[in-house]
């Protein structure tokens, strides 16, 4: 049974099965039929990540009514774009981001632009951590995140009808994508006002705790934390440690939502199920709502 926790309630500690880093390693993708919606496109030009000299494809989802209006839209930046929209490119199933948002547009009037950054394959472990790992090598997340902020976001704001202000700009990812999303909102709070942090790999970069403690978020920031109870023995202890840190009086600035699914594992199926709830909360019309912390 799912238990959602609104901070500053006590966090939930669960027993876990052994954790595997397999979800964060480059994977071969079996051939499957494409499933992306017509309003998903791969941008025709690759983008170069400065400092790493690597090119990256960008996939973008436009709301159903985008072509029919002059409306401007919030933007959600997401990692591992191969897994977001299309079963043909996804490892272990897609997130169904396009189908979920098409449905939310009809049922709740929630319309977003989603910008997905393809992962770097063999470079993924490095690019999605801002800190070196003694076993897996150098962290390149600072360059990767700077690319999003300094190159990709300006391009999107110049070429699409975005709402460029921080209150309408979010970042989201899972596993190492959750770790780099955490880094992004704490490092660039003037750019990102919202973040979805799914199954974050805090164990991969213990430096994230001191980093977060030194950077309280602004009052109006919103962060949706999610973890599954069966993701492995390293997930929840570190997840709960971060929640506890952010409950400290010196950290009580932003608005947080914590969701733990006791039976969920570390996979796309779990993140796919959580995604509509996360975006609905992050982009609720009233940013405070009943979840604002005192």
C-alpha atoms as a PDB file:
ATOM      1  CA  UNK A   1       0.000   0.000   0.000  1.00  0.00           C
ATOM      2  CA  UNK A   2       1.347   3.386  -0.973  1.00  0.00           C
ATOM      3  CA  UNK A   3       2.200   5.867   1.721  1.00  0.00           C
ATOM      4  CA  UNK A   4       2.753   9.518   0.879  1.00  0.00           C
ATOM      5  CA  UNK A   5       4.445  11.705   3.445  1.00  0.00           C
ATOM      6  CA  UNK A   6       4.146  15.467   3.607  1.00  0.00           C
ATOM      7  CA  UNK A   7       7.216  16.922   5.308  1.00  0.00           C
ATOM      8  CA  UNK A   8       7.920  17.426   8.151  1.00  0.00           C
ATOM      9  CA  UNK A   9       6.265  14.133   9.111  1.00  0.00           C
ATOM     10  CA  UNK A  10       8.555  11.259  10.060  1.00  0.00           C
ATOM     11  CA  UNK A  11      10.060   9.390   7.132  1.00  0.00           C
ATOM     12  CA  UNK A  12       9.483   5.757   6.401  1.00  0.00           C
ATOM     13  CA  UNK A  13      12.197   3.109   6.806  1.00  0.00           C
ATOM     14  CA  UNK A  14      11.687  -0.171   4.967  1.00  0.00           C
ATOM     15  CA  UNK A  15      13.577  -3.388   4.422  1.00  0.00           C
ATOM     16  CA  UNK A  16      15.003  -3.654   0.917  1.00  0.00           C
ATOM     17  CA  UNK A  17      16.374  -6.247  -1.433  1.00  0.00           C
ATOM     18  CA  UNK A  18      20.001  -5.913  -2.647  1.00  0.00           C
ATOM     19  CA  UNK A  19      20.538  -2.922  -4.926  1.00  0.00           C
ATOM     20  CA  UNK A  20      21.914  -3.330  -8.445  1.00  0.00           C
ATOM     21  CA  UNK A  21      23.581  -0.593 -10.434  1.00  0.00           C
ATOM     22  CA  UNK A  22      22.457  -2.269 -13.649  1.00  0.00           C
ATOM     23  CA  UNK A  23      19.816   0.395 -14.281  1.00  0.00           C
ATOM     24  CA  UNK A  24      22.560   3.019 -14.429  1.00  0.00           C
ATOM     25  CA  UNK A  25      24.902   1.164 -16.782  1.00  0.00           C
ATOM     26  CA  UNK A  26      24.720   1.420 -20.605  1.00  0.00           C
ATOM     27  CA  UNK A  27      22.263  -1.126 -21.936  1.00  0.00           C
ATOM     28  CA  UNK A  28      21.603  -2.680 -25.313  1.00  0.00           C
ATOM     29  CA  UNK A  29      18.084  -1.838 -26.466  1.00  0.00           C
ATOM     30  CA  UNK A  30      16.115  -4.664 -28.124  1.00  0.00           C
ATOM     31  CA  UNK A  31      14.268  -3.720 -31.311  1.00  0.00           C
ATOM     32  CA  UNK A  32      10.617  -2.806 -30.690  1.00  0.00           C
ATOM     33  CA  UNK A  33       7.929  -0.863 -32.511  1.00  0.00           C
ATOM     34  CA  UNK A  34       7.955   2.903 -32.046  1.00  0.00           C
ATOM     35  CA  UNK A  35       5.350   4.267 -29.650  1.00  0.00           C
ATOM     36  CA  UNK A  36       6.080   8.001 -29.466  1.00  0.00           C
ATOM     37  CA  UNK A  37       3.122  10.345 -29.978  1.00  0.00           C
ATOM     38  CA  UNK A  38       3.026  12.580 -33.078  1.00  0.00           C
ATOM     39  CA  UNK A  39       3.752  15.606 -30.865  1.00  0.00           C
ATOM     40  CA  UNK A  40       7.185  14.201 -29.938  1.00  0.00           C
ATOM     41  CA  UNK A  41      10.104  15.137 -32.166  1.00  0.00           C
ATOM     42  CA  UNK A  42      13.855  14.710 -32.194  1.00  0.00           C
ATOM     43  CA  UNK A  43      15.483  18.065 -32.801  1.00  0.00           C
ATOM     44  CA  UNK A  44      17.283  18.025 -36.164  1.00  0.00           C
ATOM     45  CA  UNK A  45      20.552  19.380 -34.827  1.00  0.00           C
ATOM     46  CA  UNK A  46      22.725  17.711 -32.192  1.00  0.00           C
ATOM     47  CA  UNK A  47      23.955  19.825 -29.308  1.00  0.00           C
ATOM     48  CA  UNK A  48      27.523  19.881 -28.023  1.00  0.00           C
ATOM     49  CA  UNK A  49      28.280  19.655 -24.305  1.00  0.00           C
ATOM     50  CA  UNK A  50      31.027  22.211 -23.685  1.00  0.00           C
ATOM     51  CA  UNK A  51      33.998  20.905 -21.755  1.00  0.00           C
ATOM     52  CA  UNK A  52      33.207  17.323 -22.709  1.00  0.00           C
ATOM     53  CA  UNK A  53      33.189  17.747 -26.499  1.00  0.00           C
ATOM     54  CA  UNK A  54      30.275  15.338 -26.887  1.00  0.00           C
ATOM     55  CA  UNK A  55      27.204  15.705 -29.005  1.00  0.00           C
ATOM     56  CA  UNK A  56      23.763  14.904 -27.701  1.00  0.00           C
ATOM     57  CA  UNK A  57      20.351  14.415 -29.283  1.00  0.00           C
ATOM     58  CA  UNK A  58      17.357  16.221 -27.796  1.00  0.00           C
ATOM     59  CA  UNK A  59      13.779  14.952 -27.869  1.00  0.00           C
ATOM     60  CA  UNK A  60      10.941  17.388 -27.259  1.00  0.00           C
ATOM     61  CA  UNK A  61       7.277  16.887 -26.409  1.00  0.00           C
ATOM     62  CA  UNK A  62       4.842  19.673 -27.257  1.00  0.00           C
ATOM     63  CA  UNK A  63       1.379  19.914 -25.665  1.00  0.00           C
ATOM     64  CA  UNK A  64      -1.600  18.817 -27.808  1.00  0.00           C
ATOM     65  CA  UNK A  65      -2.773  22.406 -28.334  1.00  0.00           C
ATOM     66  CA  UNK A  66       0.628  23.905 -29.058  1.00  0.00           C
ATOM     67  CA  UNK A  67       0.120  24.380 -32.819  1.00  0.00           C
ATOM     68  CA  UNK A  68      -3.370  25.843 -32.413  1.00  0.00           C
ATOM     69  CA  UNK A  69      -2.669  28.678 -29.983  1.00  0.00           C
ATOM     70  CA  UNK A  70      -0.152  31.355 -29.105  1.00  0.00           C
ATOM     71  CA  UNK A  71      -0.021  30.168 -25.519  1.00  0.00           C
ATOM     72  CA  UNK A  72       3.256  29.879 -23.594  1.00  0.00           C
ATOM     73  CA  UNK A  73       3.979  26.785 -21.512  1.00  0.00           C
ATOM     74  CA  UNK A  74       6.038  25.630 -18.512  1.00  0.00           C
ATOM     75  CA  UNK A  75       9.042  23.464 -19.384  1.00  0.00           C
ATOM     76  CA  UNK A  76      10.193  20.224 -17.777  1.00  0.00           C
ATOM     77  CA  UNK A  77      13.756  19.094 -18.513  1.00  0.00           C
ATOM     78  CA  UNK A  78      14.328  15.350 -18.196  1.00  0.00           C
ATOM     79  CA  UNK A  79      17.299  13.003 -18.531  1.00  0.00           C
ATOM     80  CA  UNK A  80      17.570   9.619 -20.279  1.00  0.00           C
ATOM     81  CA  UNK A  81      15.317  10.782 -23.099  1.00  0.00           C
ATOM     82  CA  UNK A  82      15.564   7.407 -24.831  1.00  0.00           C
ATOM     83  CA  UNK A  83      13.364   6.044 -22.023  1.00  0.00           C
ATOM     84  CA  UNK A  84      10.742   8.784 -21.901  1.00  0.00           C
ATOM     85  CA  UNK A  85       8.562   8.626 -25.012  1.00  0.00           C
ATOM     86  CA  UNK A  86       9.332   5.675 -27.239  1.00  0.00           C
ATOM     87  CA  UNK A  87       9.391   1.973 -26.493  1.00  0.00           C
ATOM     88  CA  UNK A  88      11.639   1.450 -29.522  1.00  0.00           C
ATOM     89  CA  UNK A  89      14.499   3.342 -27.875  1.00  0.00           C
ATOM     90  CA  UNK A  90      13.793   2.571 -24.213  1.00  0.00           C
ATOM     91  CA  UNK A  91      15.584   0.128 -21.976  1.00  0.00           C
ATOM     92  CA  UNK A  92      13.128  -2.027 -20.000  1.00  0.00           C
ATOM     93  CA  UNK A  93      10.088  -0.037 -21.115  1.00  0.00           C
ATOM     94  CA  UNK A  94       9.341   3.666 -21.464  1.00  0.00           C
ATOM     95  CA  UNK A  95       7.929   6.204 -19.008  1.00  0.00           C
ATOM     96  CA  UNK A  96       4.947   6.999 -21.294  1.00  0.00           C
ATOM     97  CA  UNK A  97       5.560  10.698 -20.652  1.00  0.00           C
ATOM     98  CA  UNK A  98       3.769  11.747 -23.831  1.00  0.00           C
ATOM     99  CA  UNK A  99       0.697   9.581 -23.237  1.00  0.00           C
ATOM    100  CA  UNK A 100       0.514  10.652 -19.592  1.00  0.00           C
ATOM    101  CA  UNK A 101       0.684  14.351 -20.439  1.00  0.00           C
ATOM    102  CA  UNK A 102      -1.798  14.028 -23.295  1.00  0.00           C
ATOM    103  CA  UNK A 103      -4.202  12.496 -20.777  1.00  0.00           C
ATOM    104  CA  UNK A 104      -3.539  15.157 -18.127  1.00  0.00           C
ATOM    105  CA  UNK A 105      -4.070  17.888 -20.712  1.00  0.00           C
ATOM    106  CA  UNK A 106      -7.574  16.541 -21.377  1.00  0.00           C
ATOM    107  CA  UNK A 107      -8.510  15.674 -17.798  1.00  0.00           C
ATOM    108  CA  UNK A 108      -6.876  18.496 -15.822  1.00  0.00           C
ATOM    109  CA  UNK A 109      -5.780  21.095 -18.359  1.00  0.00           C
ATOM    110  CA  UNK A 110      -2.131  20.486 -17.462  1.00  0.00           C
ATOM    111  CA  UNK A 111       0.025  21.304 -20.481  1.00  0.00           C
ATOM    112  CA  UNK A 112       3.824  21.273 -20.468  1.00  0.00           C
ATOM    113  CA  UNK A 113       6.728  21.250 -22.860  1.00  0.00           C
ATOM    114  CA  UNK A 114       9.083  18.384 -22.026  1.00  0.00           C
ATOM    115  CA  UNK A 115      12.697  18.546 -23.158  1.00  0.00           C
ATOM    116  CA  UNK A 116      14.435  15.183 -22.968  1.00  0.00           C
ATOM    117  CA  UNK A 117      18.222  14.917 -23.132  1.00  0.00           C
ATOM    118  CA  UNK A 118      19.517  11.602 -24.454  1.00  0.00           C
ATOM    119  CA  UNK A 119      21.888   9.872 -22.078  1.00  0.00           C
ATOM    120  CA  UNK A 120      25.507   9.463 -23.124  1.00  0.00           C
ATOM    121  CA  UNK A 121      25.622   5.666 -23.148  1.00  0.00           C
ATOM    122  CA  UNK A 122      29.020   4.704 -21.785  1.00  0.00           C
ATOM    123  CA  UNK A 123      29.405   8.240 -20.394  1.00  0.00           C
ATOM    124  CA  UNK A 124      26.113   8.186 -18.476  1.00  0.00           C
ATOM    125  CA  UNK A 125      27.589   7.252 -15.093  1.00  0.00           C
ATOM    126  CA  UNK A 126      29.973  10.192 -15.324  1.00  0.00           C
ATOM    127  CA  UNK A 127      27.650  12.817 -16.768  1.00  0.00           C
ATOM    128  CA  UNK A 128      24.870  12.282 -14.238  1.00  0.00           C
ATOM    129  CA  UNK A 129      27.034  12.785 -11.162  1.00  0.00           C
ATOM    130  CA  UNK A 130      28.657  16.070 -10.195  1.00  0.00           C
ATOM    131  CA  UNK A 131      31.183  14.253  -8.000  1.00  0.00           C
ATOM    132  CA  UNK A 132      33.901  11.690  -8.659  1.00  0.00           C
ATOM    133  CA  UNK A 133      33.236   8.115  -7.596  1.00  0.00           C
ATOM    134  CA  UNK A 134      36.259   6.068  -6.427  1.00  0.00           C
ATOM    135  CA  UNK A 135      34.983   2.956  -8.205  1.00  0.00           C
ATOM    136  CA  UNK A 136      33.276   4.312 -11.301  1.00  0.00           C
ATOM    137  CA  UNK A 137      35.418   7.342 -12.084  1.00  0.00           C
ATOM    138  CA  UNK A 138      35.210  11.055 -12.730  1.00  0.00           C
ATOM    139  CA  UNK A 139      32.012  13.020 -12.270  1.00  0.00           C
ATOM    140  CA  UNK A 140      31.076  15.226 -15.225  1.00  0.00           C
ATOM    141  CA  UNK A 141      27.701  16.402 -13.976  1.00  0.00           C
ATOM    142  CA  UNK A 142      28.831  19.991 -13.542  1.00  0.00           C
ATOM    143  CA  UNK A 143      29.553  20.281 -17.263  1.00  0.00           C
ATOM    144  CA  UNK A 144      26.384  18.386 -18.165  1.00  0.00           C
ATOM    145  CA  UNK A 145      24.169  20.595 -15.990  1.00  0.00           C
ATOM    146  CA  UNK A 146      25.887  23.760 -17.192  1.00  0.00           C
ATOM    147  CA  UNK A 147      25.065  22.610 -20.732  1.00  0.00           C
ATOM    148  CA  UNK A 148      21.363  22.435 -19.832  1.00  0.00           C
ATOM    149  CA  UNK A 149      21.436  25.871 -18.201  1.00  0.00           C
ATOM    150  CA  UNK A 150      23.739  27.769 -20.571  1.00  0.00           C
ATOM    151  CA  UNK A 151      23.041  26.144 -23.943  1.00  0.00           C
ATOM    152  CA  UNK A 152      19.875  24.056 -24.055  1.00  0.00           C
ATOM    153  CA  UNK A 153      17.502  26.231 -22.046  1.00  0.00           C
ATOM    154  CA  UNK A 154      18.372  29.430 -23.967  1.00  0.00           C
ATOM    155  CA  UNK A 155      17.771  27.543 -27.218  1.00  0.00           C
ATOM    156  CA  UNK A 156      14.392  26.239 -26.062  1.00  0.00           C
ATOM    157  CA  UNK A 157      13.322  29.656 -24.786  1.00  0.00           C
ATOM    158  CA  UNK A 158      14.328  31.268 -28.093  1.00  0.00           C
ATOM    159  CA  UNK A 159      12.691  28.713 -30.387  1.00  0.00           C
ATOM    160  CA  UNK A 160       9.585  27.579 -28.481  1.00  0.00           C
ATOM    161  CA  UNK A 161       6.797  29.347 -26.611  1.00  0.00           C
ATOM    162  CA  UNK A 162       8.119  28.596 -23.162  1.00  0.00           C
ATOM    163  CA  UNK A 163       7.582  30.326 -19.850  1.00  0.00           C
ATOM    164  CA  UNK A 164      11.263  30.883 -19.063  1.00  0.00           C
ATOM    165  CA  UNK A 165      11.024  32.031 -15.445  1.00  0.00           C
ATOM    166  CA  UNK A 166      12.185  29.706 -12.669  1.00  0.00           C
ATOM    167  CA  UNK A 167       8.669  29.088 -11.325  1.00  0.00           C
ATOM    168  CA  UNK A 168       7.794  27.487 -14.667  1.00  0.00           C
ATOM    169  CA  UNK A 169      11.043  25.577 -15.161  1.00  0.00           C
ATOM    170  CA  UNK A 170      11.495  22.091 -13.708  1.00  0.00           C
ATOM    171  CA  UNK A 171      13.988  19.244 -13.905  1.00  0.00           C
ATOM    172  CA  UNK A 172      13.333  15.545 -13.315  1.00  0.00           C
ATOM    173  CA  UNK A 173      15.045  12.185 -13.509  1.00  0.00           C
ATOM    174  CA  UNK A 174      15.445   8.785 -11.896  1.00  0.00           C
ATOM    175  CA  UNK A 175      18.363   6.932 -10.323  1.00  0.00           C
ATOM    176  CA  UNK A 176      21.478   8.855 -11.390  1.00  0.00           C
ATOM    177  CA  UNK A 177      19.031  11.119 -13.186  1.00  0.00           C
ATOM    178  CA  UNK A 178      17.506  11.779  -9.773  1.00  0.00           C
ATOM    179  CA  UNK A 179      20.937  12.564  -8.362  1.00  0.00           C
ATOM    180  CA  UNK A 180      21.755  15.081 -11.098  1.00  0.00           C
ATOM    181  CA  UNK A 181      18.277  16.650 -10.814  1.00  0.00           C
ATOM    182  CA  UNK A 182      18.935  17.134  -7.105  1.00  0.00           C
ATOM    183  CA  UNK A 183      22.260  18.764  -7.911  1.00  0.00           C
ATOM    184  CA  UNK A 184      20.659  20.978 -10.567  1.00  0.00           C
ATOM    185  CA  UNK A 185      18.002  22.598  -8.389  1.00  0.00           C
ATOM    186  CA  UNK A 186      20.424  23.123  -5.489  1.00  0.00           C
ATOM    187  CA  UNK A 187      23.175  24.490  -7.741  1.00  0.00           C
ATOM    188  CA  UNK A 188      20.897  26.593  -9.968  1.00  0.00           C
ATOM    189  CA  UNK A 189      17.899  27.644  -7.837  1.00  0.00           C
ATOM    190  CA  UNK A 190      17.673  30.802  -9.929  1.00  0.00           C
ATOM    191  CA  UNK A 191      16.969  28.627 -12.997  1.00  0.00           C
ATOM    192  CA  UNK A 192      14.947  25.675 -11.673  1.00  0.00           C
ATOM    193  CA  UNK A 193      12.041  26.305  -9.336  1.00  0.00           C
ATOM    194  CA  UNK A 194      10.842  22.699  -9.320  1.00  0.00           C
ATOM    195  CA  UNK A 195      12.392  19.234  -9.363  1.00  0.00           C
ATOM    196  CA  UNK A 196      11.223  15.635  -9.502  1.00  0.00           C
ATOM    197  CA  UNK A 197      13.778  13.399  -7.793  1.00  0.00           C
ATOM    198  CA  UNK A 198      12.968   9.726  -8.372  1.00  0.00           C
ATOM    199  CA  UNK A 199      14.977   6.901  -6.764  1.00  0.00           C
ATOM    200  CA  UNK A 200      18.034   9.141  -6.381  1.00  0.00           C
ATOM    201  CA  UNK A 201      21.445   7.437  -6.279  1.00  0.00           C
ATOM    202  CA  UNK A 202      22.697   9.351  -3.236  1.00  0.00           C
ATOM    203  CA  UNK A 203      24.940   6.407  -2.341  1.00  0.00           C
ATOM    204  CA  UNK A 204      26.878   7.030  -5.562  1.00  0.00           C
ATOM    205  CA  UNK A 205      27.994  10.507  -4.404  1.00  0.00           C
ATOM    206  CA  UNK A 206      28.008  10.965  -0.601  1.00  0.00           C
ATOM    207  CA  UNK A 207      29.196  14.549  -1.128  1.00  0.00           C
ATOM    208  CA  UNK A 208      25.619  15.437  -2.020  1.00  0.00           C
ATOM    209  CA  UNK A 209      24.701  15.648   1.674  1.00  0.00           C
ATOM    210  CA  UNK A 210      27.174  18.373   2.639  1.00  0.00           C
ATOM    211  CA  UNK A 211      26.452  20.107  -0.666  1.00  0.00           C
ATOM    212  CA  UNK A 212      22.711  20.221   0.103  1.00  0.00           C
ATOM    213  CA  UNK A 213      23.189  21.253   3.728  1.00  0.00           C
ATOM    214  CA  UNK A 214      25.112  24.309   2.610  1.00  0.00           C
ATOM    215  CA  UNK A 215      22.453  25.451   0.114  1.00  0.00           C
ATOM    216  CA  UNK A 216      18.935  25.855   1.533  1.00  0.00           C
ATOM    217  CA  UNK A 217      16.450  26.212  -1.300  1.00  0.00           C
ATOM    218  CA  UNK A 218      14.274  29.309  -1.795  1.00  0.00           C
ATOM    219  CA  UNK A 219      10.885  29.406  -0.111  1.00  0.00           C
ATOM    220  CA  UNK A 220       8.965  28.960  -3.352  1.00  0.00           C
ATOM    221  CA  UNK A 221      10.923  25.940  -4.647  1.00  0.00           C
ATOM    222  CA  UNK A 222       8.995  22.679  -4.975  1.00  0.00           C
ATOM    223  CA  UNK A 223      10.635  19.237  -4.885  1.00  0.00           C
ATOM    224  CA  UNK A 224       8.897  15.879  -5.323  1.00  0.00           C
ATOM    225  CA  UNK A 225      10.880  13.002  -3.795  1.00  0.00           C
ATOM    226  CA  UNK A 226      10.020   9.392  -4.671  1.00  0.00           C
ATOM    227  CA  UNK A 227      11.498   6.006  -3.785  1.00  0.00           C
ATOM    228  CA  UNK A 228      10.435   2.367  -3.900  1.00  0.00           C
ATOM    229  CA  UNK A 229      10.647   0.019  -0.949  1.00  0.00           C
ATOM    230  CA  UNK A 230      12.247  -2.799  -2.927  1.00  0.00           C
ATOM    231  CA  UNK A 231      14.999  -0.923  -4.714  1.00  0.00           C
ATOM    232  CA  UNK A 232      17.849  -2.419  -2.717  1.00  0.00           C
ATOM    233  CA  UNK A 233      19.659  -2.055   0.563  1.00  0.00           C
ATOM    234  CA  UNK A 234      21.389   1.233  -0.361  1.00  0.00           C
ATOM    235  CA  UNK A 235      18.398   3.171  -1.619  1.00  0.00           C
ATOM    236  CA  UNK A 236      16.095   3.942   1.301  1.00  0.00           C
ATOM    237  CA  UNK A 237      18.709   4.496   4.032  1.00  0.00           C
ATOM    238  CA  UNK A 238      20.359   7.206   1.929  1.00  0.00           C
ATOM    239  CA  UNK A 239      17.005   8.545   0.736  1.00  0.00           C
ATOM    240  CA  UNK A 240      15.785   8.820   4.344  1.00  0.00           C
ATOM    241  CA  UNK A 241      19.064  10.430   5.366  1.00  0.00           C
ATOM    242  CA  UNK A 242      18.488  13.178   2.801  1.00  0.00           C
ATOM    243  CA  UNK A 243      14.895  13.693   3.898  1.00  0.00           C
ATOM    244  CA  UNK A 244      16.066  13.962   7.505  1.00  0.00           C
ATOM    245  CA  UNK A 245      18.686  16.525   6.523  1.00  0.00           C
ATOM    246  CA  UNK A 246      16.100  18.626   4.705  1.00  0.00           C
ATOM    247  CA  UNK A 247      13.850  18.519   7.785  1.00  0.00           C
ATOM    248  CA  UNK A 248      16.425  20.349   9.866  1.00  0.00           C
ATOM    249  CA  UNK A 249      15.356  23.856  10.924  1.00  0.00           C
ATOM    250  CA  UNK A 250      18.093  25.494   8.865  1.00  0.00           C
ATOM    251  CA  UNK A 251      16.772  23.744   5.744  1.00  0.00           C
ATOM    252  CA  UNK A 252      13.066  24.473   6.111  1.00  0.00           C
ATOM    253  CA  UNK A 253      12.617  26.798   3.197  1.00  0.00           C
ATOM    254  CA  UNK A 254      11.193  24.928   0.215  1.00  0.00           C
ATOM    255  CA  UNK A 255       8.015  22.886  -0.219  1.00  0.00           C
ATOM    256  CA  UNK A 256       8.596  19.137  -0.416  1.00  0.00           C
ATOM    257  CA  UNK A 257       6.451  16.087  -1.103  1.00  0.00           C
ATOM    258  CA  UNK A 258       7.769  12.630  -0.234  1.00  0.00           C
ATOM    259  CA  UNK A 259       6.241   9.510  -1.748  1.00  0.00           C
ATOM    260  CA  UNK A 260       7.371   5.958  -0.951  1.00  0.00           C
ATOM    261  CA  UNK A 261       5.819   2.919  -2.600  1.00  0.00           C
ATOM    262  CA  UNK A 262       6.747  -0.025  -0.336  1.00  0.00           C
ATOM    263  CA  UNK A 263       6.387  -2.638  -3.099  1.00  0.00           C
ATOM    264  CA  UNK A 264       8.039  -0.758  -5.993  1.00  0.00           C
ATOM    265  CA  UNK A 265      11.348  -1.800  -7.517  1.00  0.00           C
ATOM    266  CA  UNK A 266      14.049   0.220  -9.297  1.00  0.00           C
ATOM    267  CA  UNK A 267      12.636   0.288 -12.825  1.00  0.00           C
ATOM    268  CA  UNK A 268      10.791   2.265 -15.479  1.00  0.00           C
ATOM    269  CA  UNK A 269       7.449   0.697 -14.550  1.00  0.00           C
ATOM    270  CA  UNK A 270       7.612   2.280 -11.096  1.00  0.00           C
ATOM    271  CA  UNK A 271       8.711   5.662 -12.438  1.00  0.00           C
ATOM    272  CA  UNK A 272       6.048   5.523 -15.142  1.00  0.00           C
ATOM    273  CA  UNK A 273       3.363   4.992 -12.496  1.00  0.00           C
ATOM    274  CA  UNK A 274       4.638   7.871 -10.339  1.00  0.00           C
ATOM    275  CA  UNK A 275       5.166  10.409 -13.120  1.00  0.00           C
ATOM    276  CA  UNK A 276       1.556  11.719 -13.470  1.00  0.00           C
ATOM    277  CA  UNK A 277       1.287  12.272  -9.723  1.00  0.00           C
ATOM    278  CA  UNK A 278       4.601  14.080  -9.588  1.00  0.00           C
ATOM    279  CA  UNK A 279       3.944  16.501 -12.449  1.00  0.00           C
ATOM    280  CA  UNK A 280       0.412  17.156 -11.211  1.00  0.00           C
ATOM    281  CA  UNK A 281       1.778  18.202  -7.815  1.00  0.00           C
ATOM    282  CA  UNK A 282       4.769  20.130  -9.140  1.00  0.00           C
ATOM    283  CA  UNK A 283       2.691  22.146 -11.584  1.00  0.00           C
ATOM    284  CA  UNK A 284      -0.424  22.602  -9.460  1.00  0.00           C
ATOM    285  CA  UNK A 285      -1.929  26.066 -10.097  1.00  0.00           C
ATOM    286  CA  UNK A 286      -1.477  27.104  -6.473  1.00  0.00           C
ATOM    287  CA  UNK A 287       2.203  26.430  -5.671  1.00  0.00           C
ATOM    288  CA  UNK A 288       1.590  26.452  -1.932  1.00  0.00           C
ATOM    289  CA  UNK A 289      -1.674  24.518  -1.765  1.00  0.00           C
ATOM    290  CA  UNK A 290      -2.128  22.418   1.401  1.00  0.00           C
ATOM    291  CA  UNK A 291       1.412  21.027   1.193  1.00  0.00           C
ATOM    292  CA  UNK A 292       3.248  24.217   2.109  1.00  0.00           C
ATOM    293  CA  UNK A 293       5.416  23.789   5.147  1.00  0.00           C
ATOM    294  CA  UNK A 294       5.100  26.165   8.109  1.00  0.00           C
END
